[in-house]
N, C-alpha and C. Protein backbone atom coordinates (compact mmCIF):
# COMPACT_ATOMS: atom_id res chain seq x y z
N UNK A 1 57.74 97.22 99.00
CA UNK A 1 58.46 96.38 98.08
C UNK A 1 59.88 96.90 97.87
N UNK A 2 60.03 98.22 97.76
CA UNK A 2 61.36 98.79 97.57
C UNK A 2 62.26 98.47 98.76
N UNK A 3 61.68 98.49 99.96
CA UNK A 3 62.44 98.19 101.16
C UNK A 3 62.96 96.76 101.14
N UNK A 4 62.14 95.82 100.72
CA UNK A 4 62.54 94.42 100.62
C UNK A 4 63.68 94.27 99.62
N UNK A 5 63.57 94.96 98.50
CA UNK A 5 64.61 94.92 97.48
C UNK A 5 65.92 95.49 98.02
N UNK A 6 65.83 96.62 98.72
CA UNK A 6 67.02 97.24 99.29
C UNK A 6 67.68 96.33 100.31
N UNK A 7 66.88 95.70 101.15
CA UNK A 7 67.44 94.80 102.16
C UNK A 7 68.11 93.60 101.50
N UNK A 8 67.49 93.04 100.51
CA UNK A 8 68.08 91.91 99.80
C UNK A 8 69.36 92.34 99.09
N UNK A 9 69.32 93.53 98.49
CA UNK A 9 70.50 94.02 97.79
C UNK A 9 71.66 94.26 98.74
N UNK A 10 71.37 94.82 99.90
CA UNK A 10 72.41 95.06 100.89
C UNK A 10 73.02 93.75 101.36
N UNK A 11 72.17 92.78 101.64
CA UNK A 11 72.66 91.48 102.08
C UNK A 11 73.54 90.85 101.02
N UNK A 12 73.10 90.92 99.78
CA UNK A 12 73.87 90.32 98.70
C UNK A 12 75.22 91.01 98.53
N UNK A 13 75.25 92.31 98.73
CA UNK A 13 76.51 93.03 98.57
C UNK A 13 77.45 92.83 99.75
N UNK A 14 76.91 92.55 100.91
CA UNK A 14 77.76 92.42 102.09
C UNK A 14 78.33 91.03 102.28
N UNK A 15 77.69 89.99 101.74
CA UNK A 15 78.10 88.63 102.05
C UNK A 15 79.17 88.00 101.16
N UNK A 16 79.35 88.36 99.95
CA UNK A 16 80.19 87.54 99.07
C UNK A 16 81.70 87.66 99.31
N UNK A 17 82.14 87.50 100.54
CA UNK A 17 83.58 87.49 100.80
C UNK A 17 84.26 86.37 100.04
N UNK A 18 83.64 85.20 100.01
CA UNK A 18 84.24 84.07 99.31
C UNK A 18 84.34 84.33 97.82
N UNK A 19 83.37 85.04 97.25
CA UNK A 19 83.46 85.33 95.82
C UNK A 19 84.56 86.35 95.55
N UNK A 20 84.80 87.26 96.48
CA UNK A 20 85.91 88.20 96.33
C UNK A 20 87.24 87.46 96.37
N UNK A 21 87.34 86.48 97.26
CA UNK A 21 88.55 85.67 97.33
C UNK A 21 88.74 84.90 96.04
N UNK A 22 87.64 84.37 95.49
CA UNK A 22 87.69 83.65 94.24
C UNK A 22 88.14 84.56 93.11
N UNK A 23 87.63 85.79 93.09
CA UNK A 23 88.05 86.75 92.07
C UNK A 23 89.52 87.09 92.21
N UNK A 24 90.00 87.26 93.45
CA UNK A 24 91.41 87.54 93.68
C UNK A 24 92.27 86.38 93.22
N UNK A 25 91.84 85.16 93.52
CA UNK A 25 92.59 83.97 93.10
C UNK A 25 92.62 83.89 91.58
N UNK A 26 91.49 84.16 90.95
CA UNK A 26 91.42 84.13 89.48
C UNK A 26 92.36 85.18 88.89
N UNK A 27 92.38 86.36 89.47
CA UNK A 27 93.25 87.44 89.00
C UNK A 27 94.72 87.05 89.17
N UNK A 28 95.05 86.42 90.30
CA UNK A 28 96.42 85.97 90.54
C UNK A 28 96.81 84.89 89.53
N UNK A 29 95.89 83.98 89.24
CA UNK A 29 96.15 82.94 88.25
C UNK A 29 96.41 83.54 86.88
N UNK A 30 95.59 84.52 86.50
CA UNK A 30 95.78 85.19 85.21
C UNK A 30 97.12 85.89 85.16
N UNK A 31 97.51 86.54 86.24
CA UNK A 31 98.79 87.23 86.31
C UNK A 31 99.94 86.23 86.20
N UNK A 32 99.81 85.10 86.87
CA UNK A 32 100.83 84.06 86.83
C UNK A 32 100.98 83.51 85.40
N UNK A 33 99.87 83.26 84.75
CA UNK A 33 99.89 82.75 83.37
C UNK A 33 100.51 83.80 82.44
N UNK A 34 100.18 85.07 82.65
CA UNK A 34 100.76 86.14 81.84
C UNK A 34 102.28 86.19 81.99
N UNK A 35 102.76 86.01 83.23
CA UNK A 35 104.20 86.03 83.47
C UNK A 35 104.89 84.82 82.85
N UNK A 36 104.24 83.67 82.88
CA UNK A 36 104.81 82.48 82.22
C UNK A 36 104.91 82.72 80.72
N UNK A 37 103.87 83.31 80.13
CA UNK A 37 103.89 83.63 78.71
C UNK A 37 105.02 84.61 78.40
N UNK A 38 105.20 85.59 79.26
CA UNK A 38 106.29 86.56 79.06
C UNK A 38 107.64 85.85 79.09
N UNK A 39 107.81 84.92 80.05
CA UNK A 39 109.06 84.16 80.13
C UNK A 39 109.26 83.36 78.85
N UNK A 40 108.21 82.70 78.35
CA UNK A 40 108.32 81.91 77.13
C UNK A 40 108.68 82.78 75.94
N UNK A 41 108.16 84.00 75.90
CA UNK A 41 108.51 84.93 74.82
C UNK A 41 109.99 85.29 74.87
N UNK A 42 110.51 85.55 76.07
CA UNK A 42 111.94 85.84 76.20
C UNK A 42 112.78 84.64 75.76
N UNK A 43 112.38 83.47 76.17
CA UNK A 43 113.10 82.26 75.79
C UNK A 43 113.10 82.08 74.27
N UNK A 44 111.97 82.37 73.65
CA UNK A 44 111.88 82.28 72.19
C UNK A 44 112.82 83.29 71.52
N UNK A 45 112.93 84.50 72.08
CA UNK A 45 113.85 85.49 71.53
C UNK A 45 115.29 85.01 71.62
N UNK A 46 115.64 84.33 72.72
CA UNK A 46 116.99 83.77 72.85
C UNK A 46 117.21 82.72 71.79
N UNK A 47 116.23 81.84 71.58
CA UNK A 47 116.35 80.80 70.56
C UNK A 47 116.54 81.39 69.17
N UNK A 48 115.85 82.49 68.90
CA UNK A 48 115.97 83.15 67.59
C UNK A 48 117.35 83.78 67.44
N UNK A 49 117.87 84.35 68.51
CA UNK A 49 119.16 85.05 68.46
C UNK A 49 120.33 84.07 68.39
N UNK A 50 120.23 82.97 69.14
CA UNK A 50 121.34 82.02 69.21
C UNK A 50 121.14 80.93 68.18
N UNK A 51 121.75 81.14 67.04
CA UNK A 51 121.67 80.20 65.92
C UNK A 51 123.07 80.04 65.35
N UNK A 52 123.26 78.98 64.58
CA UNK A 52 124.57 78.86 63.90
C UNK A 52 124.87 80.15 63.13
N UNK A 53 126.06 80.65 63.32
CA UNK A 53 126.46 81.88 62.65
C UNK A 53 126.44 83.10 63.56
N UNK A 54 125.83 82.97 64.76
CA UNK A 54 125.87 84.12 65.67
C UNK A 54 127.30 84.28 66.19
N UNK A 55 127.61 85.45 66.68
CA UNK A 55 128.98 85.71 67.12
C UNK A 55 129.31 84.89 68.37
N UNK A 56 130.59 84.63 68.53
CA UNK A 56 131.06 83.89 69.70
C UNK A 56 130.75 84.67 70.99
N UNK A 57 130.83 85.99 70.92
CA UNK A 57 130.54 86.82 72.09
C UNK A 57 129.07 86.70 72.51
N UNK A 58 128.16 86.75 71.55
CA UNK A 58 126.74 86.62 71.84
C UNK A 58 126.45 85.24 72.44
N UNK A 59 127.04 84.21 71.87
CA UNK A 59 126.85 82.85 72.38
C UNK A 59 127.38 82.72 73.80
N UNK A 60 128.54 83.30 74.06
CA UNK A 60 129.14 83.23 75.39
C UNK A 60 128.26 83.94 76.44
N UNK A 61 127.73 85.11 76.10
CA UNK A 61 126.87 85.84 77.02
C UNK A 61 125.59 85.04 77.28
N UNK A 62 125.02 84.46 76.24
CA UNK A 62 123.80 83.66 76.41
C UNK A 62 124.07 82.45 77.31
N UNK A 63 125.15 81.75 77.09
CA UNK A 63 125.49 80.58 77.91
C UNK A 63 125.73 80.97 79.36
N UNK A 64 126.48 82.02 79.59
CA UNK A 64 126.74 82.46 80.96
C UNK A 64 125.46 82.91 81.66
N UNK A 65 124.62 83.62 80.94
CA UNK A 65 123.35 84.09 81.52
C UNK A 65 122.44 82.93 81.86
N UNK A 66 122.30 81.98 80.96
CA UNK A 66 121.44 80.82 81.20
C UNK A 66 121.99 79.98 82.35
N UNK A 67 123.28 79.83 82.39
CA UNK A 67 123.90 79.06 83.47
C UNK A 67 123.65 79.73 84.82
N UNK A 68 123.80 81.04 84.87
CA UNK A 68 123.54 81.78 86.12
C UNK A 68 122.08 81.66 86.52
N UNK A 69 121.19 81.82 85.56
CA UNK A 69 119.76 81.72 85.84
C UNK A 69 119.40 80.34 86.38
N UNK A 70 119.90 79.30 85.77
CA UNK A 70 119.61 77.95 86.24
C UNK A 70 120.18 77.70 87.63
N UNK A 71 121.35 78.24 87.91
CA UNK A 71 121.93 78.11 89.24
C UNK A 71 121.06 78.79 90.31
N UNK A 72 120.59 79.98 90.00
CA UNK A 72 119.73 80.72 90.93
C UNK A 72 118.42 79.97 91.14
N UNK A 73 117.81 79.50 90.06
CA UNK A 73 116.54 78.78 90.18
C UNK A 73 116.70 77.48 90.95
N UNK A 74 117.81 76.78 90.73
CA UNK A 74 118.07 75.54 91.48
C UNK A 74 118.20 75.85 92.97
N UNK A 75 118.92 76.91 93.29
CA UNK A 75 119.09 77.31 94.69
C UNK A 75 117.75 77.65 95.32
N UNK A 76 116.94 78.42 94.60
CA UNK A 76 115.63 78.83 95.13
C UNK A 76 114.68 77.65 95.27
N UNK A 77 114.85 76.64 94.44
CA UNK A 77 113.97 75.48 94.47
C UNK A 77 114.33 74.51 95.59
N UNK A 78 115.52 74.61 96.12
CA UNK A 78 115.96 73.72 97.18
C UNK A 78 115.19 74.05 98.45
N UNK A 79 114.44 73.08 99.02
CA UNK A 79 113.53 73.37 100.15
C UNK A 79 114.19 74.04 101.36
N UNK A 80 115.42 73.70 101.66
CA UNK A 80 116.08 74.28 102.83
C UNK A 80 116.21 75.79 102.71
N UNK A 81 116.48 76.28 101.51
CA UNK A 81 116.71 77.71 101.32
C UNK A 81 115.42 78.47 101.02
N UNK A 82 114.36 77.77 100.63
CA UNK A 82 113.11 78.42 100.29
C UNK A 82 112.55 79.21 101.46
N UNK A 83 112.66 78.67 102.67
CA UNK A 83 112.09 79.34 103.85
C UNK A 83 112.90 80.56 104.26
N UNK A 84 114.15 80.64 103.87
CA UNK A 84 114.97 81.80 104.25
C UNK A 84 114.81 82.97 103.29
N UNK A 85 114.09 82.78 102.18
CA UNK A 85 113.92 83.86 101.23
C UNK A 85 112.85 84.77 101.62
């Protein structure tokens, strides 16, 4: 009986390649969601910082940074350039 159990256990441990791929995909999804949340937190900090009454210098840096970020993201999103990255 122990031999049958060992054989079944070995087979079960050797076969689940697809479940490992599923676990990897799940882990990647969780990581992606965590990074999106991190981005949203940064964006919220910018919203808190940039309010009426903030200094002109702070506003200028925020505008320039956001403009640069949007330019980079637009470039990366353009299909022709995506393959060269």
